[in-house]
């Protein structure tokens, strides 16, 4: 019973929080999250919610090496 109360108390404190103001979808249309205002701080929504792999630099292809003689 103690554990149930503890779990319920911990869950009661849960809420949606966003690390950055412009990461919250409700703030996308606010002036602070629109270009050019967001470019200086780089917290434009497309920077913050874009897929990680899309922003990842392309990795160079491995070069086949000849065996050492």
N, C-alpha and C. Protein backbone atom coordinates (compact mmCIF):
# COMPACT_ATOMS: atom_id res chain seq x y z
N UNK A 1 0.81 -1.19 0.00
CA UNK A 1 0.00 0.00 0.00
C UNK A 1 0.86 1.26 0.00
N UNK A 2 1.98 1.21 0.73
CA UNK A 2 2.90 2.35 0.79
C UNK A 2 3.47 2.65 -0.60
N UNK A 3 3.79 1.60 -1.32
CA UNK A 3 4.38 1.78 -2.63
C UNK A 3 3.39 2.37 -3.62
N UNK A 4 2.14 1.97 -3.51
CA UNK A 4 1.09 2.50 -4.38
C UNK A 4 0.92 4.00 -4.16
N UNK A 5 0.92 4.41 -2.92
CA UNK A 5 0.79 5.84 -2.60
C UNK A 5 2.01 6.61 -3.11
N UNK A 6 3.18 6.02 -2.95
CA UNK A 6 4.41 6.66 -3.42
C UNK A 6 4.38 6.83 -4.94
N UNK A 7 3.99 5.80 -5.66
CA UNK A 7 3.92 5.86 -7.12
C UNK A 7 2.90 6.90 -7.56
N UNK A 8 1.74 6.93 -6.92
CA UNK A 8 0.72 7.92 -7.28
C UNK A 8 1.20 9.34 -7.00
N UNK A 9 1.92 9.53 -5.91
CA UNK A 9 2.45 10.86 -5.59
C UNK A 9 3.49 11.30 -6.62
N UNK A 10 4.32 10.37 -7.05
CA UNK A 10 5.33 10.71 -8.06
C UNK A 10 4.69 11.02 -9.41
N UNK A 11 3.66 10.27 -9.78
CA UNK A 11 3.00 10.51 -11.05
C UNK A 11 2.18 11.80 -11.05
N UNK A 12 1.74 12.23 -9.90
CA UNK A 12 0.97 13.47 -9.81
C UNK A 12 1.82 14.67 -10.19
N UNK A 13 3.12 14.58 -10.01
CA UNK A 13 4.02 15.67 -10.35
C UNK A 13 4.45 15.69 -11.81
N UNK A 14 4.02 14.72 -12.58
CA UNK A 14 4.41 14.64 -13.99
C UNK A 14 3.61 15.64 -14.81
N UNK A 15 4.29 16.28 -15.73
CA UNK A 15 3.63 17.16 -16.68
C UNK A 15 4.53 17.28 -17.91
N UNK A 16 3.96 17.72 -19.00
CA UNK A 16 4.76 17.91 -20.21
C UNK A 16 5.64 19.13 -20.02
N UNK A 17 6.91 18.95 -20.20
CA UNK A 17 7.85 20.06 -20.13
C UNK A 17 8.74 20.00 -21.35
N UNK A 18 9.10 21.15 -21.84
CA UNK A 18 9.95 21.25 -23.00
C UNK A 18 11.25 21.92 -22.59
N UNK A 19 12.34 21.40 -23.06
CA UNK A 19 13.63 21.98 -22.70
C UNK A 19 13.78 23.38 -23.29
N UNK A 20 13.31 23.56 -24.51
CA UNK A 20 13.40 24.85 -25.18
C UNK A 20 12.00 25.38 -25.45
N UNK A 21 11.85 26.69 -25.38
CA UNK A 21 10.56 27.33 -25.59
C UNK A 21 9.98 26.97 -26.95
N UNK A 22 10.80 27.00 -27.98
CA UNK A 22 10.33 26.76 -29.35
C UNK A 22 10.19 25.27 -29.67
N UNK A 23 10.50 24.40 -28.76
CA UNK A 23 10.33 22.96 -28.96
C UNK A 23 8.89 22.56 -28.70
N UNK A 24 8.16 23.36 -27.97
CA UNK A 24 6.76 23.11 -27.66
C UNK A 24 5.90 23.44 -28.89
N UNK A 25 5.16 22.48 -29.42
CA UNK A 25 4.35 22.73 -30.63
C UNK A 25 3.37 23.90 -30.47
N UNK A 26 2.95 24.22 -29.27
CA UNK A 26 2.03 25.34 -29.07
C UNK A 26 2.72 26.69 -29.30
N UNK A 27 4.05 26.71 -29.29
CA UNK A 27 4.79 27.96 -29.46
C UNK A 27 5.34 28.16 -30.86
N UNK A 28 5.11 27.21 -31.77
CA UNK A 28 5.68 27.31 -33.11
C UNK A 28 5.32 28.61 -33.80
N UNK A 29 4.12 29.12 -33.60
CA UNK A 29 3.66 30.30 -34.33
C UNK A 29 4.02 31.61 -33.63
N UNK A 30 4.64 31.58 -32.48
CA UNK A 30 5.00 32.80 -31.76
C UNK A 30 6.19 33.47 -32.43
N UNK A 31 6.26 34.78 -32.29
CA UNK A 31 7.30 35.57 -32.96
C UNK A 31 8.70 35.11 -32.58
N UNK A 32 8.89 34.76 -31.33
CA UNK A 32 10.21 34.31 -30.85
C UNK A 32 10.69 33.07 -31.59
N UNK A 33 9.77 32.26 -32.10
CA UNK A 33 10.11 31.01 -32.78
C UNK A 33 10.09 31.15 -34.30
N UNK A 34 9.95 32.34 -34.80
CA UNK A 34 9.92 32.58 -36.24
C UNK A 34 11.25 33.18 -36.68
N UNK A 35 11.61 32.88 -37.92
CA UNK A 35 12.81 33.48 -38.48
C UNK A 35 12.55 34.94 -38.77
N UNK A 36 13.45 35.82 -38.65
CA UNK A 36 14.87 35.70 -38.29
C UNK A 36 15.13 35.74 -36.79
N UNK A 37 14.11 35.91 -35.97
CA UNK A 37 14.31 36.03 -34.52
C UNK A 37 14.97 34.80 -33.91
N UNK A 38 14.63 33.63 -34.37
CA UNK A 38 15.16 32.41 -33.74
C UNK A 38 16.53 32.00 -34.28
N UNK A 39 17.00 32.65 -35.32
CA UNK A 39 18.28 32.25 -35.90
C UNK A 39 19.46 32.56 -34.98
N UNK A 40 19.40 33.67 -34.26
CA UNK A 40 20.51 34.03 -33.39
C UNK A 40 20.71 32.99 -32.29
N UNK A 41 19.63 32.57 -31.66
CA UNK A 41 19.74 31.58 -30.59
C UNK A 41 19.68 30.15 -31.10
N UNK A 42 19.40 29.98 -32.37
CA UNK A 42 19.28 28.68 -33.03
C UNK A 42 18.27 27.78 -32.33
N UNK A 43 17.16 28.36 -31.90
CA UNK A 43 16.10 27.55 -31.32
C UNK A 43 14.86 27.57 -32.19
N UNK A 44 15.06 27.65 -33.49
CA UNK A 44 13.95 27.54 -34.42
C UNK A 44 13.36 26.13 -34.34
N UNK A 45 12.05 26.01 -34.49
CA UNK A 45 11.43 24.68 -34.36
C UNK A 45 12.02 23.63 -35.30
N UNK A 46 12.41 24.04 -36.51
CA UNK A 46 12.97 23.04 -37.42
C UNK A 46 14.34 22.55 -36.96
N UNK A 47 15.07 23.31 -36.17
CA UNK A 47 16.32 22.84 -35.59
C UNK A 47 16.06 21.87 -34.44
N UNK A 48 15.01 22.14 -33.68
CA UNK A 48 14.80 21.39 -32.43
C UNK A 48 14.00 20.11 -32.59
N UNK A 49 13.13 20.02 -33.58
CA UNK A 49 12.29 18.84 -33.69
C UNK A 49 12.57 18.03 -34.94
N UNK A 50 13.57 18.42 -35.72
CA UNK A 50 13.92 17.66 -36.91
C UNK A 50 14.54 16.32 -36.51
N UNK A 51 14.34 15.30 -37.32
CA UNK A 51 14.96 14.01 -37.00
C UNK A 51 16.47 14.11 -36.93
N UNK A 52 17.05 13.38 -36.02
CA UNK A 52 18.49 13.43 -35.79
C UNK A 52 19.25 12.98 -37.04
N UNK A 53 18.78 11.95 -37.69
CA UNK A 53 19.50 11.43 -38.85
C UNK A 53 19.49 12.42 -40.01
N UNK A 54 18.49 13.26 -40.10
CA UNK A 54 18.43 14.24 -41.18
C UNK A 54 19.53 15.28 -41.01
N UNK A 55 19.85 15.63 -39.78
CA UNK A 55 20.88 16.63 -39.49
C UNK A 55 22.29 16.04 -39.45
N UNK A 56 22.38 14.74 -39.42
CA UNK A 56 23.67 14.09 -39.28
C UNK A 56 24.48 14.27 -40.56
N UNK A 57 25.74 14.60 -40.41
CA UNK A 57 26.62 14.74 -41.56
C UNK A 57 26.83 13.39 -42.21
N UNK A 58 27.01 13.40 -43.52
CA UNK A 58 27.23 12.13 -44.21
C UNK A 58 28.60 11.59 -43.85
N UNK A 59 28.65 10.32 -43.58
CA UNK A 59 29.89 9.66 -43.22
C UNK A 59 30.65 9.29 -44.49
N UNK A 60 31.97 9.50 -44.51
CA UNK A 60 32.74 9.11 -45.69
C UNK A 60 32.74 7.58 -45.83
N UNK A 61 32.73 7.14 -47.05
CA UNK A 61 32.76 5.71 -47.32
C UNK A 61 34.14 5.16 -47.00
N UNK A 62 34.22 3.98 -46.40
CA UNK A 62 35.54 3.40 -46.10
C UNK A 62 36.29 3.08 -47.40
N UNK A 63 37.57 3.35 -47.35
CA UNK A 63 38.42 3.11 -48.51
C UNK A 63 39.04 1.71 -48.37
N UNK A 64 38.92 0.94 -49.46
CA UNK A 64 39.51 -0.40 -49.44
C UNK A 64 41.03 -0.26 -49.45
N UNK A 65 41.68 -0.90 -48.52
CA UNK A 65 43.14 -0.81 -48.44
C UNK A 65 43.74 -2.13 -48.95
N UNK A 66 44.92 -1.98 -49.48
CA UNK A 66 45.64 -3.17 -49.97
C UNK A 66 46.33 -3.82 -48.80
N UNK A 67 46.42 -5.16 -48.82
CA UNK A 67 47.14 -5.84 -47.73
C UNK A 67 48.61 -5.44 -47.71
N UNK A 68 49.19 -5.37 -46.53
CA UNK A 68 50.60 -5.02 -46.38
C UNK A 68 51.43 -6.23 -46.76
N UNK A 69 52.44 -6.00 -47.58
CA UNK A 69 53.31 -7.11 -48.05
C UNK A 69 54.60 -7.14 -47.30
